[in-house]
Amino acid sequence: MAISNIFAMTQMQNNDFQNAMTISTQMQADAQKQQMQRWKILQDTQTKIFEIQQDVTVNKARTQDKMFNKWDEYIRS
């Protein structure tokens, strides 16, 4: 009877270990998924910032060109 108790306890410990490993694997998978989501958000944010900077740069150049043309027109008239 003692051997069957030892076997049963060992089996329960093995089941507990397997359950712990399964939970650990699920937690790691969830953490990796969250990390990938954060990375995607970071990439999207950096892309938007770059696009805004490009728009501002182009807009500044256009504004300067307009101002130059108006000044040139004023001088020539």
C-alpha atoms as a PDB file:
ATOM      1  CA  MET A   1       0.000   0.000   0.000  1.00  0.00           C
ATOM      2  CA  ALA A   2       2.888   2.357   0.706  1.00  0.00           C
ATOM      3  CA  ILE A   3       4.232   1.913  -2.824  1.00  0.00           C
ATOM      4  CA  SER A   4       0.837   2.721  -4.323  1.00  0.00           C
ATOM      5  CA  ASN A   5       0.686   5.886  -2.159  1.00  0.00           C
ATOM      6  CA  ILE A   6       4.168   6.905  -3.282  1.00  0.00           C
ATOM      7  CA  PHE A   7       3.199   6.244  -6.892  1.00  0.00           C
ATOM      8  CA  ALA A   8       0.000   8.277  -6.505  1.00  0.00           C
ATOM      9  CA  MET A   9       1.886  11.180  -4.896  1.00  0.00           C
ATOM     10  CA  THR A  10       4.523  11.058  -7.621  1.00  0.00           C
ATOM     11  CA  GLN A  11       1.806  11.061 -10.254  1.00  0.00           C
ATOM     12  CA  MET A  12       0.122  14.078  -8.606  1.00  0.00           C
ATOM     13  CA  GLN A  13       3.449  15.923  -8.470  1.00  0.00           C
ATOM     14  CA  ASN A  14       4.035  15.175 -12.140  1.00  0.00           C
ATOM     15  CA  ASN A  15       0.552  16.463 -12.985  1.00  0.00           C
ATOM     16  CA  ASP A  16       1.175  19.608 -10.940  1.00  0.00           C
ATOM     17  CA  PHE A  17       4.496  20.125 -12.706  1.00  0.00           C
ATOM     18  CA  GLN A  18       2.868  19.666 -16.123  1.00  0.00           C
ATOM     19  CA  ASN A  19       0.122  22.141 -15.199  1.00  0.00           C
ATOM     20  CA  ALA A  20       2.726  24.646 -14.011  1.00  0.00           C
ATOM     21  CA  MET A  21       4.692  24.242 -17.236  1.00  0.00           C
ATOM     22  CA  THR A  22       1.530  24.719 -19.315  1.00  0.00           C
ATOM     23  CA  ILE A  23       0.648  27.887 -17.402  1.00  0.00           C
ATOM     24  CA  SER A  24       4.216  29.157 -17.755  1.00  0.00           C
ATOM     25  CA  THR A  25       4.160  28.545 -21.513  1.00  0.00           C
ATOM     26  CA  GLN A  26       0.825  30.357 -21.835  1.00  0.00           C
ATOM     27  CA  MET A  27       2.155  33.302 -19.845  1.00  0.00           C
ATOM     28  CA  GLN A  28       5.255  33.506 -22.048  1.00  0.00           C
ATOM     29  CA  ALA A  29       3.111  33.371 -25.183  1.00  0.00           C
ATOM     30  CA  ASP A  30       0.870  36.158 -23.841  1.00  0.00           C
ATOM     31  CA  ALA A  31       3.903  38.265 -22.919  1.00  0.00           C
ATOM     32  CA  GLN A  32       5.373  37.795 -26.390  1.00  0.00           C
ATOM     33  CA  LYS A  33       2.052  38.720 -28.005  1.00  0.00           C
ATOM     34  CA  GLN A  34       1.861  41.899 -25.904  1.00  0.00           C
ATOM     35  CA  GLN A  35       5.455  42.750 -26.787  1.00  0.00           C
ATOM     36  CA  MET A  36       4.689  42.381 -30.491  1.00  0.00           C
ATOM     37  CA  GLN A  37       1.622  44.615 -30.102  1.00  0.00           C
ATOM     38  CA  ARG A  38       3.746  47.274 -28.375  1.00  0.00           C
ATOM     39  CA  TRP A  39       6.344  47.001 -31.141  1.00  0.00           C
ATOM     40  CA  LYS A  40       3.632  47.461 -33.793  1.00  0.00           C
ATOM     41  CA  ILE A  41       2.282  50.524 -31.969  1.00  0.00           C
ATOM     42  CA  LEU A  42       5.815  51.946 -31.746  1.00  0.00           C
ATOM     43  CA  GLN A  43       6.399  51.402 -35.466  1.00  0.00           C
ATOM     44  CA  ASP A  44       3.064  53.009 -36.364  1.00  0.00           C
ATOM     45  CA  THR A  45       3.798  55.981 -34.112  1.00  0.00           C
ATOM     46  CA  GLN A  46       7.259  56.486 -35.612  1.00  0.00           C
ATOM     47  CA  THR A  47       5.816  56.271 -39.121  1.00  0.00           C
ATOM     48  CA  LYS A  48       3.188  58.911 -38.294  1.00  0.00           C
ATOM     49  CA  ILE A  49       5.821  61.193 -36.752  1.00  0.00           C
ATOM     50  CA  PHE A  50       7.992  60.856 -39.854  1.00  0.00           C
ATOM     51  CA  GLU A  51       5.031  61.637 -42.130  1.00  0.00           C
ATOM     52  CA  ILE A  52       4.148  64.722 -40.072  1.00  0.00           C
ATOM     53  CA  GLN A  53       7.747  65.934 -40.179  1.00  0.00           C
ATOM     54  CA  GLN A  54       7.806  65.470 -43.952  1.00  0.00           C
ATOM     55  CA  ASP A  55       4.541  67.407 -44.320  1.00  0.00           C
ATOM     56  CA  VAL A  56       5.845  70.244 -42.159  1.00  0.00           C
ATOM     57  CA  THR A  57       9.093  70.423 -44.120  1.00  0.00           C
ATOM     58  CA  VAL A  58       7.267  70.554 -47.456  1.00  0.00           C
ATOM     59  CA  ASN A  59       4.761  73.105 -46.135  1.00  0.00           C
ATOM     60  CA  LYS A  60       7.563  75.352 -44.850  1.00  0.00           C
ATOM     61  CA  ALA A  61       9.290  75.229 -48.224  1.00  0.00           C
ATOM     62  CA  ARG A  62       6.051  76.072 -50.046  1.00  0.00           C
ATOM     63  CA  THR A  63       5.339  78.946 -47.681  1.00  0.00           C
ATOM     64  CA  GLN A  64       8.827  80.341 -48.172  1.00  0.00           C
ATOM     65  CA  ASP A  65       8.458  80.047 -51.943  1.00  0.00           C
ATOM     66  CA  LYS A  66       5.126  81.886 -51.811  1.00  0.00           C
ATOM     67  CA  MET A  67       6.580  84.632 -49.668  1.00  0.00           C
ATOM     68  CA  PHE A  68       9.568  84.988 -51.974  1.00  0.00           C
ATOM     69  CA  ASN A  69       7.306  85.185 -55.024  1.00  0.00           C
ATOM     70  CA  LYS A  70       5.102  87.818 -53.378  1.00  0.00           C
ATOM     71  CA  TRP A  71       8.158  89.864 -52.370  1.00  0.00           C
ATOM     72  CA  ASP A  72       9.608  89.505 -55.867  1.00  0.00           C
ATOM     73  CA  GLU A  73       6.273  90.544 -57.378  1.00  0.00           C
ATOM     74  CA  TYR A  74       6.149  93.594 -55.064  1.00  0.00           C
ATOM     75  CA  ILE A  75       9.678  94.633 -55.996  1.00  0.00           C
ATOM     76  CA  ARG A  76       9.071  94.222 -59.750  1.00  0.00           C
ATOM     77  CA  SER A  77       5.806  96.150 -59.744  1.00  0.00           C
END
